[in-house]
């Protein structure tokens, strides 16, 4: 039972990091610098990081919840 929790924890960490990284990569295609004031480079980078974490975390939570729901579907047919 504890090994299952450990496996789930590792999976959650990896999925979160994957989707945060993917979101950061995707946000690089958006030109947010056009709406940010000049000489605000640090704030712009922090905005990219915060948006990446917020969006990536939301997407990974959806993915992990969906995975959990699929795993519990067999209880419907017992």
C-alpha atoms as a PDB file:
ATOM      1  CA  UNK A   1       0.000   0.000   0.000  1.00  0.00           C
ATOM      2  CA  UNK A   2       2.768   2.474   0.852  1.00  0.00           C
ATOM      3  CA  UNK A   3       4.612   1.556  -2.342  1.00  0.00           C
ATOM      4  CA  UNK A   4       1.478   2.549  -4.269  1.00  0.00           C
ATOM      5  CA  UNK A   5       1.461   5.957  -2.574  1.00  0.00           C
ATOM      6  CA  UNK A   6       5.141   6.397  -3.395  1.00  0.00           C
ATOM      7  CA  UNK A   7       4.546   5.495  -7.031  1.00  0.00           C
ATOM      8  CA  UNK A   8       1.617   7.896  -7.214  1.00  0.00           C
ATOM      9  CA  UNK A   9       3.737  10.667  -5.663  1.00  0.00           C
ATOM     10  CA  UNK A  10       6.548  10.176  -8.178  1.00  0.00           C
ATOM     11  CA  UNK A  11       4.040  10.106 -11.046  1.00  0.00           C
ATOM     12  CA  UNK A  12       2.411  13.314  -9.795  1.00  0.00           C
ATOM     13  CA  UNK A  13       5.763  15.102  -9.522  1.00  0.00           C
ATOM     14  CA  UNK A  14       6.846  14.025 -13.005  1.00  0.00           C
ATOM     15  CA  UNK A  15       3.510  14.922 -14.610  1.00  0.00           C
ATOM     16  CA  UNK A  16       3.489  18.335 -12.904  1.00  0.00           C
ATOM     17  CA  UNK A  17       7.023  19.110 -14.053  1.00  0.00           C
ATOM     18  CA  UNK A  18       6.261  17.892 -17.571  1.00  0.00           C
ATOM     19  CA  UNK A  19       3.186  20.085 -17.979  1.00  0.00           C
ATOM     20  CA  UNK A  20       4.834  23.127 -16.369  1.00  0.00           C
ATOM     21  CA  UNK A  21       7.767  22.749 -18.758  1.00  0.00           C
ATOM     22  CA  UNK A  22       5.448  22.253 -21.717  1.00  0.00           C
ATOM     23  CA  UNK A  23       3.438  25.328 -20.743  1.00  0.00           C
ATOM     24  CA  UNK A  24       6.629  27.399 -20.432  1.00  0.00           C
ATOM     25  CA  UNK A  25       7.677  26.233 -23.899  1.00  0.00           C
ATOM     26  CA  UNK A  26       4.256  27.063 -25.337  1.00  0.00           C
ATOM     27  CA  UNK A  27       4.216  30.514 -23.721  1.00  0.00           C
ATOM     28  CA  UNK A  28       7.459  31.340 -25.520  1.00  0.00           C
ATOM     29  CA  UNK A  29       5.389  31.590 -28.718  1.00  0.00           C
ATOM     30  CA  UNK A  30       3.228  34.359 -27.213  1.00  0.00           C
ATOM     31  CA  UNK A  31       4.600  37.883 -27.449  1.00  0.00           C
ATOM     32  CA  UNK A  32       3.768  39.101 -23.969  1.00  0.00           C
ATOM     33  CA  UNK A  33       6.627  41.599 -24.232  1.00  0.00           C
ATOM     34  CA  UNK A  34       4.411  43.832 -26.376  1.00  0.00           C
ATOM     35  CA  UNK A  35       2.084  44.500 -23.433  1.00  0.00           C
ATOM     36  CA  UNK A  36       4.822  44.839 -20.780  1.00  0.00           C
ATOM     37  CA  UNK A  37       6.442  48.162 -20.074  1.00  0.00           C
ATOM     38  CA  UNK A  38       9.994  48.716 -21.294  1.00  0.00           C
ATOM     39  CA  UNK A  39      12.904  47.794 -19.006  1.00  0.00           C
ATOM     40  CA  UNK A  40      10.753  45.340 -16.996  1.00  0.00           C
ATOM     41  CA  UNK A  41      12.662  42.205 -17.991  1.00  0.00           C
ATOM     42  CA  UNK A  42      12.702  40.599 -14.542  1.00  0.00           C
ATOM     43  CA  UNK A  43       8.965  41.105 -14.092  1.00  0.00           C
ATOM     44  CA  UNK A  44       8.294  39.686 -17.567  1.00  0.00           C
ATOM     45  CA  UNK A  45      10.335  36.560 -16.809  1.00  0.00           C
ATOM     46  CA  UNK A  46       8.546  36.101 -13.492  1.00  0.00           C
ATOM     47  CA  UNK A  47       5.227  36.483 -15.283  1.00  0.00           C
ATOM     48  CA  UNK A  48       6.225  33.707 -17.698  1.00  0.00           C
ATOM     49  CA  UNK A  49       7.216  31.477 -14.789  1.00  0.00           C
ATOM     50  CA  UNK A  50       4.056  32.160 -12.772  1.00  0.00           C
ATOM     51  CA  UNK A  51       1.809  31.651 -15.782  1.00  0.00           C
ATOM     52  CA  UNK A  52       3.647  28.435 -16.604  1.00  0.00           C
ATOM     53  CA  UNK A  53       3.209  27.108 -13.083  1.00  0.00           C
ATOM     54  CA  UNK A  54      -0.459  28.120 -12.848  1.00  0.00           C
ATOM     55  CA  UNK A  55      -1.483  26.751 -16.238  1.00  0.00           C
ATOM     56  CA  UNK A  56       0.773  23.678 -16.059  1.00  0.00           C
ATOM     57  CA  UNK A  57      -0.465  22.786 -12.576  1.00  0.00           C
ATOM     58  CA  UNK A  58      -4.096  23.101 -13.680  1.00  0.00           C
ATOM     59  CA  UNK A  59      -3.553  20.930 -16.747  1.00  0.00           C
ATOM     60  CA  UNK A  60      -1.599  18.313 -14.795  1.00  0.00           C
ATOM     61  CA  UNK A  61      -4.308  18.207 -12.113  1.00  0.00           C
ATOM     62  CA  UNK A  62      -6.890  17.559 -14.802  1.00  0.00           C
ATOM     63  CA  UNK A  63      -4.700  14.844 -16.332  1.00  0.00           C
ATOM     64  CA  UNK A  64      -4.054  13.149 -12.966  1.00  0.00           C
ATOM     65  CA  UNK A  65      -7.741  13.355 -11.995  1.00  0.00           C
ATOM     66  CA  UNK A  66      -8.723  11.859 -15.337  1.00  0.00           C
ATOM     67  CA  UNK A  67      -6.198   9.053 -14.821  1.00  0.00           C
ATOM     68  CA  UNK A  68      -7.645   8.369 -11.367  1.00  0.00           C
ATOM     69  CA  UNK A  69     -11.206   8.307 -12.738  1.00  0.00           C
ATOM     70  CA  UNK A  70     -10.207   5.831 -15.435  1.00  0.00           C
ATOM     71  CA  UNK A  71      -8.561   3.612 -12.824  1.00  0.00           C
ATOM     72  CA  UNK A  72     -11.744   3.642 -10.709  1.00  0.00           C
ATOM     73  CA  UNK A  73     -14.069   2.820 -13.608  1.00  0.00           C
ATOM     74  CA  UNK A  74     -13.781  -0.893 -12.949  1.00  0.00           C
ATOM     75  CA  UNK A  75     -15.700  -0.391  -9.668  1.00  0.00           C
ATOM     76  CA  UNK A  76     -18.729   0.529 -11.744  1.00  0.00           C
ATOM     77  CA  UNK A  77     -18.841  -2.921 -13.302  1.00  0.00           C
ATOM     78  CA  UNK A  78     -18.275  -5.040 -10.180  1.00  0.00           C
END
